[in-house]
Amino acid sequence: MTQARSTLTIVLRHGIWRIWLDGRFFADYRSKDQAIAGAEAAQRAMATLGKLADVVVTAEASPLRREMK
């Protein structure tokens, strides 16, 4: 059986780097480097629980894109 992977998505919106975990808010950071470090720390923490996660950095969110809640 293949384990489902989670996704930590990093998006820049209005000068804030936001992390979403599987479409749900996870954290905000003031810099891209901090956001990546935070996402990687979450990825490592999840791995200790046997959960797999990918980190994806996207371009700035489109103003037409609705943020997932």
C-alpha atoms as a PDB file:
ATOM      1  CA  MET A   1       0.000   0.000   0.000  1.00  0.00           C
ATOM      2  CA  THR A   2       1.329   3.441  -0.937  1.00  0.00           C
ATOM      3  CA  GLN A   3       1.228   6.107   1.730  1.00  0.00           C
ATOM      4  CA  ALA A   4      -0.419   9.403   0.801  1.00  0.00           C
ATOM      5  CA  ARG A   5       1.998  12.345   0.692  1.00  0.00           C
ATOM      6  CA  SER A   6       1.181  15.688   2.197  1.00  0.00           C
ATOM      7  CA  THR A   7       2.141  18.962   0.524  1.00  0.00           C
ATOM      8  CA  LEU A   8       3.572  22.024   2.240  1.00  0.00           C
ATOM      9  CA  THR A   9       2.991  24.872  -0.222  1.00  0.00           C
ATOM     10  CA  ILE A  10       4.779  28.206   0.242  1.00  0.00           C
ATOM     11  CA  VAL A  11       3.127  31.243  -1.362  1.00  0.00           C
ATOM     12  CA  LEU A  12       4.043  34.955  -1.285  1.00  0.00           C
ATOM     13  CA  ARG A  13       0.979  37.117  -0.740  1.00  0.00           C
ATOM     14  CA  HIS A  14       1.048  40.829   0.135  1.00  0.00           C
ATOM     15  CA  GLY A  15       4.665  40.578   1.293  1.00  0.00           C
ATOM     16  CA  ILE A  16       4.018  37.643   3.650  1.00  0.00           C
ATOM     17  CA  TRP A  17       5.237  34.123   2.958  1.00  0.00           C
ATOM     18  CA  ARG A  18       2.396  31.757   3.857  1.00  0.00           C
ATOM     19  CA  ILE A  19       2.638  27.984   4.253  1.00  0.00           C
ATOM     20  CA  TRP A  20      -0.347  25.766   3.514  1.00  0.00           C
ATOM     21  CA  LEU A  21      -0.386  22.120   4.594  1.00  0.00           C
ATOM     22  CA  ASP A  22      -2.691  20.138   2.307  1.00  0.00           C
ATOM     23  CA  GLY A  23      -4.733  23.263   1.546  1.00  0.00           C
ATOM     24  CA  ARG A  24      -5.048  24.423   5.167  1.00  0.00           C
ATOM     25  CA  PHE A  25      -3.240  27.356   6.748  1.00  0.00           C
ATOM     26  CA  PHE A  26      -0.069  26.298   8.551  1.00  0.00           C
ATOM     27  CA  ALA A  27       2.140  29.360   9.195  1.00  0.00           C
ATOM     28  CA  ASP A  28       3.190  32.863   8.089  1.00  0.00           C
ATOM     29  CA  TYR A  29       6.761  34.136   7.732  1.00  0.00           C
ATOM     30  CA  ARG A  30       8.285  37.500   6.826  1.00  0.00           C
ATOM     31  CA  SER A  31      10.997  36.075   4.549  1.00  0.00           C
ATOM     32  CA  LYS A  32      11.214  33.350   1.958  1.00  0.00           C
ATOM     33  CA  ASP A  33      14.235  31.805   3.712  1.00  0.00           C
ATOM     34  CA  GLN A  34      12.332  31.606   7.016  1.00  0.00           C
ATOM     35  CA  ALA A  35       9.319  30.062   5.277  1.00  0.00           C
ATOM     36  CA  ILE A  36      11.452  27.419   3.576  1.00  0.00           C
ATOM     37  CA  ALA A  37      13.233  26.631   6.846  1.00  0.00           C
ATOM     38  CA  GLY A  38       9.856  26.365   8.612  1.00  0.00           C
ATOM     39  CA  ALA A  39       8.430  24.080   5.929  1.00  0.00           C
ATOM     40  CA  GLU A  40      11.527  21.878   6.007  1.00  0.00           C
ATOM     41  CA  ALA A  41      11.326  21.651   9.816  1.00  0.00           C
ATOM     42  CA  ALA A  42       7.676  20.612   9.540  1.00  0.00           C
ATOM     43  CA  GLN A  43       8.639  18.068   6.870  1.00  0.00           C
ATOM     44  CA  ARG A  44      11.281  16.548   9.186  1.00  0.00           C
ATOM     45  CA  ALA A  45       8.834  16.482  12.123  1.00  0.00           C
ATOM     46  CA  MET A  46       6.253  14.716   9.969  1.00  0.00           C
ATOM     47  CA  ALA A  47       8.886  12.186   8.878  1.00  0.00           C
ATOM     48  CA  THR A  48       9.510  11.240  12.517  1.00  0.00           C
ATOM     49  CA  LEU A  49       5.824  10.287  12.633  1.00  0.00           C
ATOM     50  CA  GLY A  50       6.152   8.229   9.454  1.00  0.00           C
ATOM     51  CA  LYS A  51       4.376  10.783   7.252  1.00  0.00           C
ATOM     52  CA  LEU A  52       5.779  11.914   3.913  1.00  0.00           C
ATOM     53  CA  ALA A  53       5.569  15.527   2.752  1.00  0.00           C
ATOM     54  CA  ASP A  54       6.737  17.544  -0.252  1.00  0.00           C
ATOM     55  CA  VAL A  55       7.705  21.226  -0.026  1.00  0.00           C
ATOM     56  CA  VAL A  56       6.580  23.366  -2.981  1.00  0.00           C
ATOM     57  CA  VAL A  57       7.406  27.069  -3.442  1.00  0.00           C
ATOM     58  CA  THR A  58       5.085  28.898  -5.827  1.00  0.00           C
ATOM     59  CA  ALA A  59       5.123  32.342  -7.400  1.00  0.00           C
ATOM     60  CA  GLU A  60       3.081  35.133  -5.839  1.00  0.00           C
ATOM     61  CA  ALA A  61      -0.572  34.196  -5.535  1.00  0.00           C
ATOM     62  CA  SER A  62      -2.829  35.607  -8.195  1.00  0.00           C
ATOM     63  CA  PRO A  63      -5.324  38.210  -6.949  1.00  0.00           C
ATOM     64  CA  LEU A  64      -8.050  36.044  -8.520  1.00  0.00           C
ATOM     65  CA  ARG A  65      -6.937  32.987  -6.596  1.00  0.00           C
ATOM     66  CA  ARG A  66      -9.081  32.301  -3.565  1.00  0.00           C
ATOM     67  CA  GLU A  67      -7.128  31.212  -0.517  1.00  0.00           C
ATOM     68  CA  MET A  68      -8.257  27.845   0.808  1.00  0.00           C
ATOM     69  CA  LYS A  69      -9.703  27.782   4.300  1.00  0.00           C
END
